[in-house]
């Protein structure tokens, strides 16, 4: 689950324009369909989120009772600049 969370954060955070709340229920629908109880999902998700954030150090994510708040963040990998070659 940690790699899924990392990929999700990498996709979402750099495209945000403003802080965006995500409810625990929405997170459970996306990542925890196999969990029947929300409290079990929150515990498992939180541990895996910590692992993902340990690798994606520029991610700005706040925990809340209602869910997470995602903040605009730098991408985990800087864009690669490519020099164009013009044929003569």
Protein backbone atom coordinates (compact mmCIF):
# COMPACT_ATOMS: atom_id res chain seq x y z
CA UNK A 1 0.00 0.00 0.00
CA UNK A 2 2.91 2.41 0.68
CA UNK A 3 3.99 2.41 -2.97
CA UNK A 4 0.39 3.08 -4.04
CA UNK A 5 0.20 6.04 -1.66
CA UNK A 6 3.55 7.37 -2.88
CA UNK A 7 2.43 7.15 -6.52
CA UNK A 8 -0.88 8.84 -5.67
CA UNK A 9 0.87 11.69 -3.84
CA UNK A 10 3.42 12.10 -6.63
CA UNK A 11 0.59 12.39 -9.14
CA UNK A 12 -1.62 14.73 -7.09
CA UNK A 13 0.50 17.08 -5.02
CA UNK A 14 2.45 18.91 -7.72
CA UNK A 15 -0.77 19.60 -9.66
CA UNK A 16 -2.69 21.18 -6.76
CA UNK A 17 -3.41 24.90 -6.78
CA UNK A 18 -4.61 25.15 -3.17
CA UNK A 19 -4.88 22.98 -0.03
CA UNK A 20 -7.30 20.14 -0.68
CA UNK A 21 -9.04 18.10 2.03
CA UNK A 22 -9.56 14.37 1.42
CA UNK A 23 -11.92 12.54 3.78
CA UNK A 24 -11.04 9.23 5.40
CA UNK A 25 -14.07 7.75 3.70
CA UNK A 26 -12.80 8.83 0.26
CA UNK A 27 -9.35 7.43 1.06
CA UNK A 28 -10.92 4.14 2.17
CA UNK A 29 -12.86 3.91 -1.08
CA UNK A 30 -9.65 4.37 -3.07
CA UNK A 31 -7.12 2.40 -1.01
CA UNK A 32 -9.00 0.26 1.49
CA UNK A 33 -11.88 -1.49 -0.18
CA UNK A 34 -10.86 -4.73 1.57
CA UNK A 35 -11.26 -3.14 5.03
CA UNK A 36 -14.69 -3.42 6.58
CA UNK A 37 -14.01 -0.96 9.40
CA UNK A 38 -12.80 2.60 8.90
CA UNK A 39 -10.72 2.61 12.11
CA UNK A 40 -8.74 -0.45 10.92
CA UNK A 41 -8.16 1.23 7.58
CA UNK A 42 -7.00 4.50 9.18
CA UNK A 43 -4.41 2.66 11.28
CA UNK A 44 -3.04 0.70 8.31
CA UNK A 45 -3.14 3.72 5.96
CA UNK A 46 -1.38 6.01 8.46
CA UNK A 47 1.57 3.64 8.82
CA UNK A 48 1.91 3.30 5.07
CA UNK A 49 1.55 7.06 4.59
CA UNK A 50 4.51 7.57 6.94
CA UNK A 51 6.57 5.21 4.77
CA UNK A 52 5.60 7.08 1.60
CA UNK A 53 6.39 10.45 3.19
CA UNK A 54 9.80 9.19 4.31
CA UNK A 55 10.69 8.85 0.62
CA UNK A 56 8.74 11.85 -0.72
CA UNK A 57 10.29 14.42 1.61
CA UNK A 58 8.82 17.49 -0.13
CA UNK A 59 5.24 16.22 0.25
CA UNK A 60 3.14 18.53 2.37
CA UNK A 61 0.36 16.49 3.96
CA UNK A 62 -1.53 17.21 7.19
CA UNK A 63 -3.36 14.61 9.26
CA UNK A 64 -6.79 15.48 10.56
CA UNK A 65 -9.65 13.72 12.29
CA UNK A 66 -11.72 14.11 9.14
CA UNK A 67 -8.95 12.92 6.79
CA UNK A 68 -5.93 14.48 5.15
CA UNK A 69 -5.22 17.93 3.82
CA UNK A 70 -3.00 17.86 0.75
CA UNK A 71 -0.96 20.98 0.03
CA UNK A 72 0.70 21.95 -3.24
CA UNK A 73 4.18 20.42 -3.19
CA UNK A 74 7.22 20.04 -5.38
CA UNK A 75 7.23 16.81 -7.42
CA UNK A 76 9.33 13.99 -5.95
CA UNK A 77 11.58 13.95 -9.03
CA UNK A 78 12.67 17.16 -10.71
CA UNK A 79 11.68 17.53 -14.37
CA UNK A 80 14.47 16.60 -16.73
CA UNK A 81 15.57 19.31 -19.12
CA UNK A 82 16.36 18.08 -22.59
CA UNK A 83 18.31 20.08 -25.13
CA UNK A 84 16.70 19.99 -28.54
CA UNK A 85 18.97 19.33 -31.49
CA UNK A 86 18.15 21.08 -34.71
CA UNK A 87 19.30 19.22 -37.84
CA UNK A 88 21.26 21.25 -40.35
